[in-house]
């Protein structure tokens, strides 16, 4: 059996292009302001670092299984369709229910008044609202998500301009145990979410392909 598996691996290497080499070629096409890339493709997430400052050399820090929208990936997604947006999105800041673990980007702690708004007047933004003082029925009360939002990252999807109904609360966050899909976010295990929080600084982008 081991011999058969070894032969299969050798045949795959001989007839399939090296995946990392192909990814490096794609990364070289990105703008120079992109310093780090969280690449999501085929339920795999990998972190890539630009090492020469000019775009000529990219190195992979790690690769791990990830989850995303239950209905797959979509370039023109909208609220409630269960897809993760395709594209290149800057990572803006980190946040979480846990204390700052040493984030390389600004870290915003969740409080009991923290919501990610799905309401029309401040759609797809972080707001602080005293619970019970306003109808926030279309919003996420962030402190309720102790596991998923223990550590999270905000991306610039639907931020400039904000389009009502295009989608809100699209994050990178901790995967809920046993949940193999999301309604739009990208998720990884807590171990690798912590690595992203600590290793991804200014100039990091999420690239969903």
C-alpha atoms as a PDB file:
ATOM      1  CA  UNK A   1       0.000   0.000   0.000  1.00  0.00           C
ATOM      2  CA  UNK A   2       2.806   2.426   0.863  1.00  0.00           C
ATOM      3  CA  UNK A   3       4.458   1.680  -2.460  1.00  0.00           C
ATOM      4  CA  UNK A   4       1.224   2.435  -4.328  1.00  0.00           C
ATOM      5  CA  UNK A   5       0.806   5.748  -2.472  1.00  0.00           C
ATOM      6  CA  UNK A   6       4.415   6.679  -3.233  1.00  0.00           C
ATOM      7  CA  UNK A   7       3.878   5.973  -6.940  1.00  0.00           C
ATOM      8  CA  UNK A   8       0.695   8.080  -6.969  1.00  0.00           C
ATOM      9  CA  UNK A   9       2.567  10.988  -5.353  1.00  0.00           C
ATOM     10  CA  UNK A  10       5.403  10.751  -7.879  1.00  0.00           C
ATOM     11  CA  UNK A  11       2.981  10.668 -10.809  1.00  0.00           C
ATOM     12  CA  UNK A  12       1.106  13.710  -9.413  1.00  0.00           C
ATOM     13  CA  UNK A  13       4.365  15.632  -9.079  1.00  0.00           C
ATOM     14  CA  UNK A  14       5.374  14.741 -12.617  1.00  0.00           C
ATOM     15  CA  UNK A  15       2.154  15.738 -14.361  1.00  0.00           C
ATOM     16  CA  UNK A  16       0.774  18.572 -12.192  1.00  0.00           C
ATOM     17  CA  UNK A  17       2.385  22.033 -12.012  1.00  0.00           C
ATOM     18  CA  UNK A  18       3.877  22.974  -8.658  1.00  0.00           C
ATOM     19  CA  UNK A  19       1.039  24.761  -6.899  1.00  0.00           C
ATOM     20  CA  UNK A  20       3.245  27.108  -4.875  1.00  0.00           C
ATOM     21  CA  UNK A  21       5.182  28.147  -7.968  1.00  0.00           C
ATOM     22  CA  UNK A  22       1.933  29.056  -9.697  1.00  0.00           C
ATOM     23  CA  UNK A  23       0.786  31.007  -6.645  1.00  0.00           C
ATOM     24  CA  UNK A  24       4.064  32.933  -6.519  1.00  0.00           C
ATOM     25  CA  UNK A  25       3.581  33.974 -10.142  1.00  0.00           C
ATOM     26  CA  UNK A  26       0.098  35.265  -9.301  1.00  0.00           C
ATOM     27  CA  UNK A  27       1.343  37.127  -6.235  1.00  0.00           C
ATOM     28  CA  UNK A  28       3.919  38.972  -8.321  1.00  0.00           C
ATOM     29  CA  UNK A  29       1.093  40.656 -10.216  1.00  0.00           C
ATOM     30  CA  UNK A  30      -0.230  42.414  -7.100  1.00  0.00           C
ATOM     31  CA  UNK A  31       0.345  46.139  -6.392  1.00  0.00           C
ATOM     32  CA  UNK A  32       3.455  47.028  -4.378  1.00  0.00           C
ATOM     33  CA  UNK A  33       1.419  48.262  -1.416  1.00  0.00           C
ATOM     34  CA  UNK A  34       0.435  44.636  -0.812  1.00  0.00           C
ATOM     35  CA  UNK A  35       3.009  43.353   1.704  1.00  0.00           C
ATOM     36  CA  UNK A  36       1.272  40.229   2.972  1.00  0.00           C
ATOM     37  CA  UNK A  37      -1.483  38.098   1.462  1.00  0.00           C
ATOM     38  CA  UNK A  38      -3.962  35.784   3.147  1.00  0.00           C
ATOM     39  CA  UNK A  39      -4.826  33.629   0.147  1.00  0.00           C
ATOM     40  CA  UNK A  40      -8.065  31.604   0.187  1.00  0.00           C
ATOM     41  CA  UNK A  41      -8.652  29.013  -2.504  1.00  0.00           C
ATOM     42  CA  UNK A  42     -10.296  25.571  -2.557  1.00  0.00           C
ATOM     43  CA  UNK A  43     -10.880  25.549   1.210  1.00  0.00           C
ATOM     44  CA  UNK A  44      -7.197  26.236   1.867  1.00  0.00           C
ATOM     45  CA  UNK A  45      -5.856  29.384   3.523  1.00  0.00           C
ATOM     46  CA  UNK A  46      -2.194  30.321   3.187  1.00  0.00           C
ATOM     47  CA  UNK A  47      -0.242  33.312   4.456  1.00  0.00           C
ATOM     48  CA  UNK A  48       2.341  34.787   2.078  1.00  0.00           C
ATOM     49  CA  UNK A  49       4.970  37.424   2.887  1.00  0.00           C
ATOM     50  CA  UNK A  50       6.685  39.722   0.407  1.00  0.00           C
ATOM     51  CA  UNK A  51      10.344  39.299   1.344  1.00  0.00           C
ATOM     52  CA  UNK A  52      12.284  41.667  -0.921  1.00  0.00           C
ATOM     53  CA  UNK A  53      10.075  44.751  -0.679  1.00  0.00           C
ATOM     54  CA  UNK A  54       9.724  44.922  -4.458  1.00  0.00           C
ATOM     55  CA  UNK A  55       7.317  42.138  -5.280  1.00  0.00           C
ATOM     56  CA  UNK A  56       9.840  39.770  -6.793  1.00  0.00           C
ATOM     57  CA  UNK A  57       9.991  37.257  -3.959  1.00  0.00           C
ATOM     58  CA  UNK A  58       7.116  35.798  -1.947  1.00  0.00           C
ATOM     59  CA  UNK A  59       7.427  33.167   0.766  1.00  0.00           C
ATOM     60  CA  UNK A  60       4.701  31.066   2.316  1.00  0.00           C
ATOM     61  CA  UNK A  61       4.490  31.196   6.115  1.00  0.00           C
ATOM     62  CA  UNK A  62       1.886  28.447   6.466  1.00  0.00           C
ATOM     63  CA  UNK A  63      -1.094  26.774   4.828  1.00  0.00           C
ATOM     64  CA  UNK A  64      -4.123  25.330   6.579  1.00  0.00           C
ATOM     65  CA  UNK A  65      -7.681  24.168   5.943  1.00  0.00           C
ATOM     66  CA  UNK A  66     -10.298  26.915   6.060  1.00  0.00           C
ATOM     67  CA  UNK A  67     -14.039  27.305   5.656  1.00  0.00           C
ATOM     68  CA  UNK A  68     -16.099  29.902   3.832  1.00  0.00           C
ATOM     69  CA  UNK A  69     -19.632  30.539   2.581  1.00  0.00           C
ATOM     70  CA  UNK A  70     -21.974  27.556   2.502  1.00  0.00           C
ATOM     71  CA  UNK A  71     -22.928  28.476  -1.066  1.00  0.00           C
ATOM     72  CA  UNK A  72     -19.362  29.008  -2.208  1.00  0.00           C
ATOM     73  CA  UNK A  73     -17.617  32.089  -3.573  1.00  0.00           C
ATOM     74  CA  UNK A  74     -19.175  34.899  -5.592  1.00  0.00           C
ATOM     75  CA  UNK A  75     -17.896  38.159  -7.030  1.00  0.00           C
ATOM     76  CA  UNK A  76     -21.258  39.922  -6.878  1.00  0.00           C
ATOM     77  CA  UNK A  77     -22.626  38.638  -3.573  1.00  0.00           C
ATOM     78  CA  UNK A  78     -25.480  40.134  -1.558  1.00  0.00           C
ATOM     79  CA  UNK A  79     -26.877  39.959   1.956  1.00  0.00           C
ATOM     80  CA  UNK A  80     -28.150  36.520   2.880  1.00  0.00           C
ATOM     81  CA  UNK A  81     -26.952  34.551  -0.170  1.00  0.00           C
ATOM     82  CA  UNK A  82     -24.499  32.493   1.897  1.00  0.00           C
ATOM     83  CA  UNK A  83     -21.460  33.262  -0.256  1.00  0.00           C
ATOM     84  CA  UNK A  84     -18.014  34.675   0.444  1.00  0.00           C
ATOM     85  CA  UNK A  85     -16.967  37.590  -1.783  1.00  0.00           C
ATOM     86  CA  UNK A  86     -14.293  36.987  -4.399  1.00  0.00           C
ATOM     87  CA  UNK A  87     -11.603  39.632  -4.657  1.00  0.00           C
ATOM     88  CA  UNK A  88      -8.687  41.396  -2.997  1.00  0.00           C
ATOM     89  CA  UNK A  89      -9.603  43.129   0.280  1.00  0.00           C
ATOM     90  CA  UNK A  90      -7.360  45.042   2.660  1.00  0.00           C
ATOM     91  CA  UNK A  91      -7.312  43.810   6.249  1.00  0.00           C
ATOM     92  CA  UNK A  92      -8.214  46.892   8.297  1.00  0.00           C
ATOM     93  CA  UNK A  93      -7.870  45.875  11.949  1.00  0.00           C
ATOM     94  CA  UNK A  94      -8.309  43.031  14.420  1.00  0.00           C
ATOM     95  CA  UNK A  95     -10.933  42.687  17.137  1.00  0.00           C
ATOM     96  CA  UNK A  96     -12.198  40.180  19.632  1.00  0.00           C
ATOM     97  CA  UNK A  97     -13.899  39.120  22.824  1.00  0.00           C
ATOM     98  CA  UNK A  98     -10.515  38.106  24.231  1.00  0.00           C
ATOM     99  CA  UNK A  99      -7.795  40.558  25.275  1.00  0.00           C
ATOM    100  CA  UNK A 100      -5.326  41.718  22.634  1.00  0.00           C
ATOM    101  CA  UNK A 101      -2.962  38.755  22.096  1.00  0.00           C
ATOM    102  CA  UNK A 102      -0.281  40.950  20.539  1.00  0.00           C
ATOM    103  CA  UNK A 103      -1.932  41.999  17.297  1.00  0.00           C
ATOM    104  CA  UNK A 104       0.324  43.447  14.600  1.00  0.00           C
ATOM    105  CA  UNK A 105      -2.602  45.634  13.500  1.00  0.00           C
ATOM    106  CA  UNK A 106      -4.718  47.869  15.753  1.00  0.00           C
ATOM    107  CA  UNK A 107      -6.881  45.689  18.013  1.00  0.00           C
ATOM    108  CA  UNK A 108     -10.406  46.655  19.052  1.00  0.00           C
ATOM    109  CA  UNK A 109     -11.877  44.908  22.126  1.00  0.00           C
ATOM    110  CA  UNK A 110     -15.557  43.946  22.050  1.00  0.00           C
ATOM    111  CA  UNK A 111     -17.724  45.390  24.825  1.00  0.00           C
ATOM    112  CA  UNK A 112     -21.294  44.616  25.867  1.00  0.00           C
ATOM    113  CA  UNK A 113     -22.498  47.542  23.716  1.00  0.00           C
ATOM    114  CA  UNK A 114     -20.642  46.524  20.537  1.00  0.00           C
ATOM    115  CA  UNK A 115     -22.698  45.684  17.453  1.00  0.00           C
ATOM    116  CA  UNK A 116     -21.878  45.180  13.801  1.00  0.00           C
ATOM    117  CA  UNK A 117     -24.778  46.980  12.204  1.00  0.00           C
ATOM    118  CA  UNK A 118     -27.066  45.484   9.612  1.00  0.00           C
ATOM    119  CA  UNK A 119     -29.459  48.434   9.952  1.00  0.00           C
ATOM    120  CA  UNK A 120     -29.892  50.749   6.985  1.00  0.00           C
ATOM    121  CA  UNK A 121     -28.747  53.956   8.713  1.00  0.00           C
ATOM    122  CA  UNK A 122     -25.254  52.640   9.604  1.00  0.00           C
ATOM    123  CA  UNK A 123     -25.040  49.442   7.575  1.00  0.00           C
ATOM    124  CA  UNK A 124     -21.822  47.400   7.711  1.00  0.00           C
ATOM    125  CA  UNK A 125     -20.176  49.439  10.457  1.00  0.00           C
ATOM    126  CA  UNK A 126     -19.178  48.895  14.078  1.00  0.00           C
ATOM    127  CA  UNK A 127     -21.475  50.795  16.433  1.00  0.00           C
ATOM    128  CA  UNK A 128     -21.804  51.063  20.194  1.00  0.00           C
ATOM    129  CA  UNK A 129     -25.433  50.836  21.312  1.00  0.00           C
ATOM    130  CA  UNK A 130     -26.800  50.319  24.799  1.00  0.00           C
ATOM    131  CA  UNK A 131     -28.801  47.069  24.496  1.00  0.00           C
ATOM    132  CA  UNK A 132     -32.543  47.675  24.420  1.00  0.00           C
ATOM    133  CA  UNK A 133     -32.330  51.336  23.432  1.00  0.00           C
ATOM    134  CA  UNK A 134     -32.558  50.785  19.684  1.00  0.00           C
ATOM    135  CA  UNK A 135     -33.870  48.160  17.278  1.00  0.00           C
ATOM    136  CA  UNK A 136     -30.779  46.195  16.218  1.00  0.00           C
ATOM    137  CA  UNK A 137     -32.633  43.101  14.998  1.00  0.00           C
ATOM    138  CA  UNK A 138     -30.666  42.946  11.734  1.00  0.00           C
ATOM    139  CA  UNK A 139     -27.310  43.406  13.465  1.00  0.00           C
ATOM    140  CA  UNK A 140     -24.790  41.172  15.207  1.00  0.00           C
ATOM    141  CA  UNK A 141     -24.352  41.705  18.952  1.00  0.00           C
ATOM    142  CA  UNK A 142     -20.639  40.908  18.903  1.00  0.00           C
ATOM    143  CA  UNK A 143     -20.278  39.890  22.543  1.00  0.00           C
ATOM    144  CA  UNK A 144     -22.677  36.977  21.984  1.00  0.00           C
ATOM    145  CA  UNK A 145     -20.189  35.191  19.726  1.00  0.00           C
ATOM    146  CA  UNK A 146     -17.678  34.105  22.351  1.00  0.00           C
ATOM    147  CA  UNK A 147     -16.043  31.412  20.203  1.00  0.00           C
ATOM    148  CA  UNK A 148     -16.199  32.788  16.658  1.00  0.00           C
ATOM    149  CA  UNK A 149     -15.288  36.343  17.598  1.00  0.00           C
ATOM    150  CA  UNK A 150     -12.736  35.460  20.225  1.00  0.00           C
ATOM    151  CA  UNK A 151     -10.241  36.654  17.606  1.00  0.00           C
ATOM    152  CA  UNK A 152     -11.284  38.243  14.322  1.00  0.00           C
ATOM    153  CA  UNK A 153     -10.149  40.518  11.497  1.00  0.00           C
ATOM    154  CA  UNK A 154     -12.127  43.138   9.566  1.00  0.00           C
ATOM    155  CA  UNK A 155     -11.688  43.441   5.791  1.00  0.00           C
ATOM    156  CA  UNK A 156     -12.647  46.330   3.541  1.00  0.00           C
ATOM    157  CA  UNK A 157     -15.471  44.544   1.766  1.00  0.00           C
ATOM    158  CA  UNK A 158     -18.386  46.919   1.041  1.00  0.00           C
ATOM    159  CA  UNK A 159     -16.823  49.825   2.891  1.00  0.00           C
ATOM    160  CA  UNK A 160     -16.152  52.585   0.351  1.00  0.00           C
ATOM    161  CA  UNK A 161     -18.858  53.219  -0.551  1.00  0.00           C
ATOM    162  CA  UNK A 162     -21.123  51.129   1.652  1.00  0.00           C
ATOM    163  CA  UNK A 163     -23.963  49.652  -0.409  1.00  0.00           C
ATOM    164  CA  UNK A 164     -27.005  48.632   1.590  1.00  0.00           C
ATOM    165  CA  UNK A 165     -27.849  44.977   0.985  1.00  0.00           C
ATOM    166  CA  UNK A 166     -24.517  44.026  -0.582  1.00  0.00           C
ATOM    167  CA  UNK A 167     -23.383  42.322   2.605  1.00  0.00           C
ATOM    168  CA  UNK A 168     -22.155  43.120   6.079  1.00  0.00           C
ATOM    169  CA  UNK A 169     -20.040  41.515   8.811  1.00  0.00           C
ATOM    170  CA  UNK A 170     -17.697  39.672   6.452  1.00  0.00           C
ATOM    171  CA  UNK A 171     -14.724  38.790   8.651  1.00  0.00           C
ATOM    172  CA  UNK A 172     -11.870  36.351   9.101  1.00  0.00           C
ATOM    173  CA  UNK A 173     -12.506  34.644  12.421  1.00  0.00           C
ATOM    174  CA  UNK A 174     -12.194  31.517  14.558  1.00  0.00           C
ATOM    175  CA  UNK A 175     -14.016  28.481  13.216  1.00  0.00           C
ATOM    176  CA  UNK A 176     -16.836  27.188  15.390  1.00  0.00           C
ATOM    177  CA  UNK A 177     -16.066  23.549  16.286  1.00  0.00           C
ATOM    178  CA  UNK A 178     -17.900  21.133  14.011  1.00  0.00           C
ATOM    179  CA  UNK A 179     -19.187  23.861  11.689  1.00  0.00           C
ATOM    180  CA  UNK A 180     -17.822  23.329   8.180  1.00  0.00           C
ATOM    181  CA  UNK A 181     -19.513  26.319   6.539  1.00  0.00           C
ATOM    182  CA  UNK A 182     -20.237  29.986   7.168  1.00  0.00           C
ATOM    183  CA  UNK A 183     -22.748  32.486   5.842  1.00  0.00           C
ATOM    184  CA  UNK A 184     -19.970  34.534   4.263  1.00  0.00           C
ATOM    185  CA  UNK A 185     -16.937  34.804   6.524  1.00  0.00           C
ATOM    186  CA  UNK A 186     -13.619  32.970   6.222  1.00  0.00           C
ATOM    187  CA  UNK A 187     -12.750  30.820   9.240  1.00  0.00           C
ATOM    188  CA  UNK A 188      -9.752  28.883  10.543  1.00  0.00           C
ATOM    189  CA  UNK A 189      -8.908  27.154  13.804  1.00  0.00           C
ATOM    190  CA  UNK A 190      -8.078  29.330  16.801  1.00  0.00           C
ATOM    191  CA  UNK A 191      -4.417  28.324  16.557  1.00  0.00           C
ATOM    192  CA  UNK A 192      -4.060  29.754  13.064  1.00  0.00           C
ATOM    193  CA  UNK A 193      -6.330  32.716  13.708  1.00  0.00           C
ATOM    194  CA  UNK A 194      -3.913  33.729  16.444  1.00  0.00           C
ATOM    195  CA  UNK A 195      -1.029  33.425  14.007  1.00  0.00           C
ATOM    196  CA  UNK A 196      -2.816  35.710  11.546  1.00  0.00           C
ATOM    197  CA  UNK A 197      -3.524  38.251  14.278  1.00  0.00           C
ATOM    198  CA  UNK A 198       0.094  38.286  15.441  1.00  0.00           C
ATOM    199  CA  UNK A 199       1.843  38.087  12.066  1.00  0.00           C
ATOM    200  CA  UNK A 200      -0.300  40.236   9.761  1.00  0.00           C
ATOM    201  CA  UNK A 201       0.562  43.918   9.846  1.00  0.00           C
ATOM    202  CA  UNK A 202      -0.008  46.986   7.712  1.00  0.00           C
ATOM    203  CA  UNK A 203      -0.291  46.113   4.039  1.00  0.00           C
ATOM    204  CA  UNK A 204      -2.022  42.761   4.575  1.00  0.00           C
ATOM    205  CA  UNK A 205      -4.758  41.775   2.120  1.00  0.00           C
ATOM    206  CA  UNK A 206      -7.232  38.920   1.952  1.00  0.00           C
ATOM    207  CA  UNK A 207      -7.298  37.435  -1.553  1.00  0.00           C
ATOM    208  CA  UNK A 208     -10.244  35.135  -2.203  1.00  0.00           C
ATOM    209  CA  UNK A 209     -10.006  33.266  -5.509  1.00  0.00           C
END
